[in-house]
PDB file of all heavy atoms in Angstrom:
ATOM      1  N   THR A   1      88.065 117.320  74.970  1.00  0.00           N
ATOM      2  CA  THR A   1      89.513 117.205  74.777  1.00  0.00           C
ATOM      3  C   THR A   1      90.062 118.518  74.227  1.00  0.00           C
ATOM      4  O   THR A   1      91.135 118.987  74.643  1.00  0.00           O
ATOM      5  CB  THR A   1      89.831 116.045  73.821  1.00  0.00           C
ATOM      6  OG1 THR A   1      89.263 114.840  74.334  1.00  0.00           O
ATOM      7  CG2 THR A   1      91.333 115.865  73.672  1.00  0.00           C
ATOM      8  N   PHE A   2      89.341 119.130  73.303  1.00  0.00           N
ATOM      9  CA  PHE A   2      89.711 120.461  72.807  1.00  0.00           C
ATOM     10  C   PHE A   2      89.758 121.463  73.956  1.00  0.00           C
ATOM     11  O   PHE A   2      90.693 122.280  74.048  1.00  0.00           O
ATOM     12  CB  PHE A   2      88.696 120.909  71.749  1.00  0.00           C
ATOM     13  CG  PHE A   2      88.854 122.335  71.300  1.00  0.00           C
ATOM     14  CD1 PHE A   2      89.834 122.692  70.395  1.00  0.00           C
ATOM     15  CD2 PHE A   2      88.006 123.322  71.785  1.00  0.00           C
ATOM     16  CE1 PHE A   2      89.991 124.012  69.979  1.00  0.00           C
ATOM     17  CE2 PHE A   2      88.150 124.647  71.375  1.00  0.00           C
ATOM     18  CZ  PHE A   2      89.149 124.987  70.473  1.00  0.00           C
ATOM     19  N   LEU A   3      88.781 121.398  74.848  1.00  0.00           N
ATOM     20  CA  LEU A   3      88.755 122.301  76.000  1.00  0.00           C
ATOM     21  C   LEU A   3      89.995 122.106  76.871  1.00  0.00           C
ATOM     22  O   LEU A   3      90.617 123.083  77.304  1.00  0.00           O
ATOM     23  CB  LEU A   3      87.483 122.061  76.812  1.00  0.00           C
ATOM     24  CG  LEU A   3      87.337 122.860  78.106  1.00  0.00           C
ATOM     25  CD1 LEU A   3      87.285 124.359  77.819  1.00  0.00           C
ATOM     26  CD2 LEU A   3      86.084 122.415  78.871  1.00  0.00           C
ATOM     27  N   ALA A   4      90.365 120.849  77.130  1.00  0.00           N
ATOM     28  CA  ALA A   4      91.548 120.575  77.949  1.00  0.00           C
ATOM     29  C   ALA A   4      92.814 121.125  77.295  1.00  0.00           C
ATOM     30  O   ALA A   4      93.672 121.715  77.966  1.00  0.00           O
ATOM     31  CB  ALA A   4      91.681 119.071  78.188  1.00  0.00           C
ATOM     32  N   LEU A   5      92.954 120.948  75.989  1.00  0.00           N
ATOM     33  CA  LEU A   5      94.112 121.488  75.273  1.00  0.00           C
ATOM     34  C   LEU A   5      94.160 123.010  75.370  1.00  0.00           C
ATOM     35  O   LEU A   5      95.229 123.606  75.549  1.00  0.00           O
ATOM     36  CB  LEU A   5      94.057 121.067  73.806  1.00  0.00           C
ATOM     37  CG  LEU A   5      94.346 119.601  73.496  1.00  0.00           C
ATOM     38  CD1 LEU A   5      93.847 119.250  72.092  1.00  0.00           C
ATOM     39  CD2 LEU A   5      95.840 119.310  73.607  1.00  0.00           C
ATOM     40  N   LEU A   6      93.005 123.635  75.256  1.00  0.00           N
ATOM     41  CA  LEU A   6      92.930 125.093  75.282  1.00  0.00           C
ATOM     42  C   LEU A   6      93.326 125.642  76.647  1.00  0.00           C
ATOM     43  O   LEU A   6      93.986 126.687  76.744  1.00  0.00           O
ATOM     44  CB  LEU A   6      91.509 125.533  74.927  1.00  0.00           C
ATOM     45  CG  LEU A   6      91.270 127.019  74.688  1.00  0.00           C
ATOM     46  CD1 LEU A   6      91.836 127.434  73.333  1.00  0.00           C
ATOM     47  CD2 LEU A   6      89.770 127.325  74.741  1.00  0.00           C
ATOM     48  N   LEU A   7      92.946 124.948  77.718  1.00  0.00           N
ATOM     49  CA  LEU A   7      93.117 125.478  79.072  1.00  0.00           C
ATOM     50  C   LEU A   7      94.503 125.251  79.666  1.00  0.00           C
ATOM     51  O   LEU A   7      94.856 125.889  80.662  1.00  0.00           O
ATOM     52  CB  LEU A   7      92.069 124.852  80.009  1.00  0.00           C
ATOM     53  CG  LEU A   7      90.604 125.171  79.704  1.00  0.00           C
ATOM     54  CD1 LEU A   7      89.693 124.506  80.730  1.00  0.00           C
ATOM     55  CD2 LEU A   7      90.356 126.677  79.676  1.00  0.00           C
ATOM     56  N   GLU A   8      95.294 124.358  79.090  1.00  0.00           N
ATOM     57  CA  GLU A   8      96.627 124.113  79.645  1.00  0.00           C
ATOM     58  C   GLU A   8      97.489 125.377  79.543  1.00  0.00           C
ATOM     59  O   GLU A   8      97.503 126.034  78.505  1.00  0.00           O
ATOM     60  CB  GLU A   8      97.318 122.963  78.904  1.00  0.00           C
ATOM     61  CG  GLU A   8      96.802 121.587  79.266  1.00  0.00           C
ATOM     62  CD  GLU A   8      97.242 121.116  80.642  1.00  0.00           C
ATOM     63  OE1 GLU A   8      97.932 121.878  81.360  1.00  0.00           O
ATOM     64  OE2 GLU A   8      96.887 119.988  81.001  1.00  0.00           O
ATOM     65  N   PRO A   9      98.213 125.744  80.598  1.00  0.00           N
ATOM     66  CA  PRO A   9      99.090 126.923  80.534  1.00  0.00           C
ATOM     67  C   PRO A   9     100.153 126.755  79.455  1.00  0.00           C
ATOM     68  O   PRO A   9     100.621 125.637  79.198  1.00  0.00           O
ATOM     69  CB  PRO A   9      99.729 126.961  81.930  1.00  0.00           C
ATOM     70  CG  PRO A   9      98.812 126.158  82.805  1.00  0.00           C
ATOM     71  CD  PRO A   9      98.223 125.104  81.921  1.00  0.00           C
ATOM     72  N   PRO A  10     100.559 127.848  78.814  1.00  0.00           N
ATOM     73  CA  PRO A  10     101.524 127.738  77.706  1.00  0.00           C
ATOM     74  C   PRO A  10     102.882 127.200  78.143  1.00  0.00           C
ATOM     75  O   PRO A  10     103.593 126.592  77.344  1.00  0.00           O
ATOM     76  CB  PRO A  10     101.636 129.174  77.179  1.00  0.00           C
ATOM     77  CG  PRO A  10     101.147 130.037  78.303  1.00  0.00           C
ATOM     78  CD  PRO A  10     100.108 129.239  79.018  1.00  0.00           C
ATOM     79  N   GLN A  11     103.232 127.401  79.398  1.00  0.00           N
ATOM     80  CA  GLN A  11     104.521 126.916  79.873  1.00  0.00           C
ATOM     81  C   GLN A  11     104.507 125.429  80.217  1.00  0.00           C
ATOM     82  O   GLN A  11     105.557 124.835  80.471  1.00  0.00           O
ATOM     83  CB  GLN A  11     104.979 127.711  81.107  1.00  0.00           C
ATOM     84  CG  GLN A  11     104.134 127.503  82.356  1.00  0.00           C
ATOM     85  CD  GLN A  11     102.938 128.445  82.422  1.00  0.00           C
ATOM     86  OE1 GLN A  11     102.577 129.062  81.424  1.00  0.00           O
ATOM     87  NE2 GLN A  11     102.348 128.568  83.596  1.00  0.00           N
ATOM     88  N   GLU A  12     103.329 124.814  80.217  1.00  0.00           N
ATOM     89  CA  GLU A  12     103.223 123.396  80.552  1.00  0.00           C
ATOM     90  C   GLU A  12     103.746 122.549  79.392  1.00  0.00           C
ATOM     91  O   GLU A  12     103.191 122.551  78.300  1.00  0.00           O
ATOM     92  CB  GLU A  12     101.757 123.033  80.836  1.00  0.00           C
ATOM     93  CG  GLU A  12     101.550 121.643  81.388  1.00  0.00           C
ATOM     94  CD  GLU A  12     102.057 121.499  82.810  1.00  0.00           C
ATOM     95  OE1 GLU A  12     102.041 122.494  83.563  1.00  0.00           O
ATOM     96  OE2 GLU A  12     102.480 120.386  83.154  1.00  0.00           O
ATOM     97  N   GLN A  13     104.815 121.812  79.635  1.00  0.00           N
ATOM     98  CA  GLN A  13     105.417 120.987  78.592  1.00  0.00           C
ATOM     99  C   GLN A  13     104.683 119.653  78.463  1.00  0.00           C
ATOM    100  O   GLN A  13     103.967 119.223  79.379  1.00  0.00           O
ATOM    101  CB  GLN A  13     106.898 120.740  78.897  1.00  0.00           C
ATOM    102  CG  GLN A  13     107.738 121.996  78.904  1.00  0.00           C
ATOM    103  CD  GLN A  13     107.713 122.714  77.563  1.00  0.00           C
ATOM    104  OE1 GLN A  13     107.939 122.109  76.513  1.00  0.00           O
ATOM    105  NE2 GLN A  13     107.415 124.004  77.581  1.00  0.00           N
ATOM    106  N   PHE A  14     104.870 119.019  77.327  1.00  0.00           N
ATOM    107  CA  PHE A  14     104.258 117.703  77.103  1.00  0.00           C
ATOM    108  C   PHE A  14     105.163 116.634  77.702  1.00  0.00           C
ATOM    109  O   PHE A  14     106.182 116.262  77.122  1.00  0.00           O
ATOM    110  CB  PHE A  14     104.044 117.483  75.604  1.00  0.00           C
ATOM    111  CG  PHE A  14     103.514 116.114  75.255  1.00  0.00           C
ATOM    112  CD1 PHE A  14     102.524 115.518  76.013  1.00  0.00           C
ATOM    113  CD2 PHE A  14     104.020 115.431  74.154  1.00  0.00           C
ATOM    114  CE1 PHE A  14     102.028 114.257  75.688  1.00  0.00           C
ATOM    115  CE2 PHE A  14     103.534 114.167  73.819  1.00  0.00           C
ATOM    116  CZ  PHE A  14     102.541 113.591  74.584  1.00  0.00           C
ATOM    117  N   THR A  15     104.794 116.171  78.888  1.00  0.00           N
ATOM    118  CA  THR A  15     105.572 115.144  79.588  1.00  0.00           C
ATOM    119  C   THR A  15     104.626 114.019  79.989  1.00  0.00           C
ATOM    120  O   THR A  15     104.154 113.966  81.131  1.00  0.00           O
ATOM    121  CB  THR A  15     106.256 115.727  80.829  1.00  0.00           C
ATOM    122  OG1 THR A  15     105.276 116.400  81.642  1.00  0.00           O
ATOM    123  CG2 THR A  15     107.345 116.703  80.445  1.00  0.00           C
ATOM    124  N   PRO A  16     104.301 113.126  79.060  1.00  0.00           N
ATOM    125  CA  PRO A  16     103.296 112.097  79.355  1.00  0.00           C
ATOM    126  C   PRO A  16     103.822 111.054  80.337  1.00  0.00           C
ATOM    127  O   PRO A  16     105.018 110.841  80.483  1.00  0.00           O
ATOM    128  CB  PRO A  16     103.035 111.477  77.985  1.00  0.00           C
ATOM    129  CG  PRO A  16     104.312 111.686  77.232  1.00  0.00           C
ATOM    130  CD  PRO A  16     104.846 113.010  77.702  1.00  0.00           C
ATOM    131  N   CYS A  17     102.870 110.414  81.015  1.00  0.00           N
ATOM    132  CA  CYS A  17     103.166 109.268  81.856  1.00  0.00           C
ATOM    133  C   CYS A  17     102.475 108.057  81.229  1.00  0.00           C
ATOM    134  O   CYS A  17     101.802 108.175  80.212  1.00  0.00           O
ATOM    135  CB  CYS A  17     102.677 109.495  83.283  1.00  0.00           C
ATOM    136  SG  CYS A  17     100.901 109.845  83.404  1.00  0.00           S
ATOM    137  N   ARG A  18     102.644 106.905  81.819  1.00  0.00           N
ATOM    138  CA  ARG A  18     101.982 105.686  81.340  1.00  0.00           C
ATOM    139  C   ARG A  18     100.872 105.312  82.311  1.00  0.00           C
ATOM    140  O   ARG A  18     101.020 105.440  83.528  1.00  0.00           O
ATOM    141  CB  ARG A  18     102.960 104.528  81.216  1.00  0.00           C
ATOM    142  CG  ARG A  18     104.135 104.757  80.305  1.00  0.00           C
ATOM    143  CD  ARG A  18     103.773 104.899  78.856  1.00  0.00           C
ATOM    144  NE  ARG A  18     103.174 103.701  78.296  1.00  0.00           N
ATOM    145  CZ  ARG A  18     102.835 103.565  77.008  1.00  0.00           C
ATOM    146  NH1 ARG A  18     103.035 104.583  76.169  1.00  0.00           N
ATOM    147  NH2 ARG A  18     102.311 102.448  76.555  1.00  0.00           N
ATOM    148  N   GLY A  19      99.751 104.863  81.770  1.00  0.00           N
ATOM    149  CA  GLY A  19      98.639 104.452  82.610  1.00  0.00           C
ATOM    150  C   GLY A  19      97.826 103.364  81.952  1.00  0.00           C
ATOM    151  O   GLY A  19      97.884 103.180  80.727  1.00  0.00           O
ATOM    152  N   ARG A  20      97.059 102.638  82.753  1.00  0.00           N
ATOM    153  CA  ARG A  20      96.187 101.588  82.237  1.00  0.00           C
ATOM    154  C   ARG A  20      95.017 102.186  81.468  1.00  0.00           C
ATOM    155  O   ARG A  20      94.378 103.130  81.914  1.00  0.00           O
ATOM    156  CB  ARG A  20      95.643 100.729  83.386  1.00  0.00           C
ATOM    157  CG  ARG A  20      96.706  99.911  84.107  1.00  0.00           C
ATOM    158  CD  ARG A  20      97.125  98.725  83.287  1.00  0.00           C
ATOM    159  NE  ARG A  20      98.223  97.986  83.922  1.00  0.00           N
ATOM    160  CZ  ARG A  20      98.850  96.965  83.352  1.00  0.00           C
ATOM    161  NH1 ARG A  20      98.501  96.566  82.140  1.00  0.00           N
ATOM    162  NH2 ARG A  20      99.835  96.352  83.976  1.00  0.00           N
ATOM    163  N   CYS A  21      94.752 101.604  80.306  1.00  0.00           N
ATOM    164  CA  CYS A  21      93.618 102.042  79.490  1.00  0.00           C
ATOM    165  C   CYS A  21      92.319 101.616  80.158  1.00  0.00           C
ATOM    166  O   CYS A  21      92.174 100.453  80.569  1.00  0.00           O
ATOM    167  CB  CYS A  21      93.733 101.448  78.090  1.00  0.00           C
ATOM    168  SG  CYS A  21      92.329 101.820  77.007  1.00  0.00           S
ATOM    169  N   HIS A  22      91.358 102.528  80.249  1.00  0.00           N
ATOM    170  CA  HIS A  22      90.076 102.185  80.862  1.00  0.00           C
ATOM    171  C   HIS A  22      89.319 101.173  80.011  1.00  0.00           C
ATOM    172  O   HIS A  22      88.685 100.262  80.537  1.00  0.00           O
ATOM    173  CB  HIS A  22      89.233 103.450  81.038  1.00  0.00           C
ATOM    174  CG  HIS A  22      87.883 103.190  81.630  1.00  0.00           C
ATOM    175  ND1 HIS A  22      87.697 102.927  82.974  1.00  0.00           N
ATOM    176  CD2 HIS A  22      86.645 103.127  81.065  1.00  0.00           C
ATOM    177  CE1 HIS A  22      86.411 102.731  83.202  1.00  0.00           C
ATOM    178  NE2 HIS A  22      85.754 102.856  82.066  1.00  0.00           N
ATOM    179  N   ALA A  23      89.394 101.318  78.696  1.00  0.00           N
ATOM    180  CA  ALA A  23      88.656 100.410  77.810  1.00  0.00           C
ATOM    181  C   ALA A  23      89.298  99.031  77.739  1.00  0.00           C
ATOM    182  O   ALA A  23      88.609  98.029  77.556  1.00  0.00           O
ATOM    183  CB  ALA A  23      88.544 101.014  76.413  1.00  0.00           C
ATOM    184  N   ASN A  24      90.628  98.991  77.871  1.00  0.00           N
ATOM    185  CA  ASN A  24      91.352  97.718  77.813  1.00  0.00           C
ATOM    186  C   ASN A  24      92.444  97.734  78.884  1.00  0.00           C
ATOM    187  O   ASN A  24      93.577  98.151  78.611  1.00  0.00           O
ATOM    188  CB  ASN A  24      91.959  97.512  76.427  1.00  0.00           C
ATOM    189  CG  ASN A  24      92.657  96.161  76.292  1.00  0.00           C
ATOM    190  OD1 ASN A  24      92.686  95.367  77.240  1.00  0.00           O
ATOM    191  ND2 ASN A  24      93.221  95.904  75.128  1.00  0.00           N
ATOM    192  N   PRO A  25      92.134  97.284  80.109  1.00  0.00           N
ATOM    193  CA  PRO A  25      93.095  97.364  81.220  1.00  0.00           C
ATOM    194  C   PRO A  25      94.374  96.571  80.993  1.00  0.00           C
ATOM    195  O   PRO A  25      95.339  96.748  81.734  1.00  0.00           O
ATOM    196  CB  PRO A  25      92.300  96.802  82.411  1.00  0.00           C
ATOM    197  CG  PRO A  25      90.868  96.945  82.027  1.00  0.00           C
ATOM    198  CD  PRO A  25      90.827  96.767  80.548  1.00  0.00           C
ATOM    199  N   LEU A  26      94.396  95.684  79.997  1.00  0.00           N
ATOM    200  CA  LEU A  26      95.607  94.928  79.713  1.00  0.00           C
ATOM    201  C   LEU A  26      96.652  95.766  78.989  1.00  0.00           C
ATOM    202  O   LEU A  26      97.801  95.337  78.870  1.00  0.00           O
ATOM    203  CB  LEU A  26      95.268  93.683  78.879  1.00  0.00           C
ATOM    204  CG  LEU A  26      94.335  92.656  79.548  1.00  0.00           C
ATOM    205  CD1 LEU A  26      94.058  91.509  78.590  1.00  0.00           C
ATOM    206  CD2 LEU A  26      94.935  92.147  80.848  1.00  0.00           C
ATOM    207  N   ARG A  27      96.253  96.921  78.492  1.00  0.00           N
ATOM    208  CA  ARG A  27      97.172  97.784  77.754  1.00  0.00           C
ATOM    209  C   ARG A  27      97.494  99.036  78.555  1.00  0.00           C
ATOM    210  O   ARG A  27      96.655  99.525  79.335  1.00  0.00           O
ATOM    211  CB  ARG A  27      96.562  98.193  76.417  1.00  0.00           C
ATOM    212  CG  ARG A  27      96.282  97.049  75.469  1.00  0.00           C
ATOM    213  CD  ARG A  27      95.815  97.563  74.135  1.00  0.00           C
ATOM    214  NE  ARG A  27      96.825  98.386  73.481  1.00  0.00           N
ATOM    215  CZ  ARG A  27      96.658  98.996  72.318  1.00  0.00           C
ATOM    216  NH1 ARG A  27      95.506  98.883  71.665  1.00  0.00           N
ATOM    217  NH2 ARG A  27      97.608  99.726  71.777  1.00  0.00           N
ATOM    218  N   THR A  28      98.701  99.540  78.390  1.00  0.00           N
ATOM    219  CA  THR A  28      99.054 100.845  78.943  1.00  0.00           C
ATOM    220  C   THR A  28      99.183 101.845  77.801  1.00  0.00           C
ATOM    221  O   THR A  28      99.528 101.480  76.677  1.00  0.00           O
ATOM    222  CB  THR A  28     100.376 100.782  79.731  1.00  0.00           C
ATOM    223  OG1 THR A  28     101.431 100.388  78.849  1.00  0.00           O
ATOM    224  CG2 THR A  28     100.265  99.804  80.885  1.00  0.00           C
ATOM    225  N   ARG A  29      98.894 103.096  78.111  1.00  0.00           N
ATOM    226  CA  ARG A  29      98.941 104.147  77.097  1.00  0.00           C
ATOM    227  C   ARG A  29      99.655 105.372  77.655  1.00  0.00           C
ATOM    228  O   ARG A  29      99.678 105.592  78.871  1.00  0.00           O
ATOM    229  CB  ARG A  29      97.528 104.535  76.650  1.00  0.00           C
ATOM    230  CG  ARG A  29      96.775 103.436  75.928  1.00  0.00           C
ATOM    231  CD  ARG A  29      95.446 103.945  75.405  1.00  0.00           C
ATOM    232  NE  ARG A  29      94.691 102.926  74.724  1.00  0.00           N
ATOM    233  CZ  ARG A  29      94.853 102.580  73.450  1.00  0.00           C
ATOM    234  NH1 ARG A  29      95.769 103.201  72.718  1.00  0.00           N
ATOM    235  NH2 ARG A  29      94.108 101.645  72.902  1.00  0.00           N
ATOM    236  N   ALA A  30     100.185 106.168  76.744  1.00  0.00           N
ATOM    237  CA  ALA A  30     100.746 107.460  77.136  1.00  0.00           C
ATOM    238  C   ALA A  30      99.600 108.407  77.484  1.00  0.00           C
ATOM    239  O   ALA A  30      98.631 108.520  76.725  1.00  0.00           O
ATOM    240  CB  ALA A  30     101.588 108.038  76.004  1.00  0.00           C
ATOM    241  N   MET A  31      99.694 109.057  78.641  1.00  0.00           N
ATOM    242  CA  MET A  31      98.633 109.953  79.105  1.00  0.00           C
ATOM    243  C   MET A  31      99.250 111.213  79.684  1.00  0.00           C
ATOM    244  O   MET A  31     100.299 111.158  80.324  1.00  0.00           O
ATOM    245  CB  MET A  31      97.803 109.278  80.204  1.00  0.00           C
ATOM    246  CG  MET A  31      97.130 107.992  79.813  1.00  0.00           C
ATOM    247  SD  MET A  31      96.242 107.275  81.221  1.00  0.00           S
ATOM    248  CE  MET A  31      95.565 105.789  80.442  1.00  0.00           C
ATOM    249  N   CYS A  32      98.577 112.336  79.472  1.00  0.00           N
ATOM    250  CA  CYS A  32      98.997 113.547  80.151  1.00  0.00           C
ATOM    251  C   CYS A  32      98.681 113.402  81.643  1.00  0.00           C
ATOM    252  O   CYS A  32      97.603 112.919  82.005  1.00  0.00           O
ATOM    253  CB  CYS A  32      98.272 114.764  79.585  1.00  0.00           C
ATOM    254  SG  CYS A  32      98.847 115.244  77.941  1.00  0.00           S
ATOM    255  N   PRO A  33      99.588 113.786  82.512  1.00  0.00           N
ATOM    256  CA  PRO A  33      99.324 113.667  83.955  1.00  0.00           C
ATOM    257  C   PRO A  33      98.215 114.614  84.385  1.00  0.00           C
ATOM    258  O   PRO A  33      97.856 115.559  83.679  1.00  0.00           O
ATOM    259  CB  PRO A  33     100.671 114.043  84.587  1.00  0.00           C
ATOM    260  CG  PRO A  33     101.380 114.851  83.561  1.00  0.00           C
ATOM    261  CD  PRO A  33     100.930 114.336  82.226  1.00  0.00           C
ATOM    262  N   ASP A  34      97.671 114.349  85.569  1.00  0.00           N
ATOM    263  CA  ASP A  34      96.589 115.176  86.094  1.00  0.00           C
ATOM    264  C   ASP A  34      97.002 116.642  86.158  1.00  0.00           C
ATOM    265  O   ASP A  34      98.156 116.974  86.463  1.00  0.00           O
ATOM    266  CB  ASP A  34      96.198 114.702  87.493  1.00  0.00           C
ATOM    267  CG  ASP A  34      95.592 113.304  87.482  1.00  0.00           C
ATOM    268  OD1 ASP A  34      95.120 112.884  86.408  1.00  0.00           O
ATOM    269  OD2 ASP A  34      95.600 112.639  88.533  1.00  0.00           O
ATOM    270  N   SER A  35      96.054 117.512  85.860  1.00  0.00           N
ATOM    271  CA  SER A  35      96.324 118.948  85.864  1.00  0.00           C
ATOM    272  C   SER A  35      95.008 119.685  86.075  1.00  0.00           C
ATOM    273  O   SER A  35      93.928 119.124  85.873  1.00  0.00           O
ATOM    274  CB  SER A  35      96.938 119.373  84.526  1.00  0.00           C
ATOM    275  OG  SER A  35      95.992 119.254  83.475  1.00  0.00           O
ATOM    276  N   PRO A  36      95.066 120.958  86.490  1.00  0.00           N
ATOM    277  CA  PRO A  36      93.830 121.737  86.617  1.00  0.00           C
ATOM    278  C   PRO A  36      93.034 121.823  85.317  1.00  0.00           C
ATOM    279  O   PRO A  36      91.799 121.868  85.344  1.00  0.00           O
ATOM    280  CB  PRO A  36      94.331 123.119  87.065  1.00  0.00           C
ATOM    281  CG  PRO A  36      95.614 122.830  87.773  1.00  0.00           C
ATOM    282  CD  PRO A  36      96.231 121.690  87.017  1.00  0.00           C
TER     283      PRO A  36
END
């Protein structure tokens, strides 16, 4: 997770989406969208 934070371009804003939690599919969570 530290690696992912480090690699994101500085101009990339925090714009989360909602997605199903893998551990608990009944819940949705804020997630960063797919990125390189």
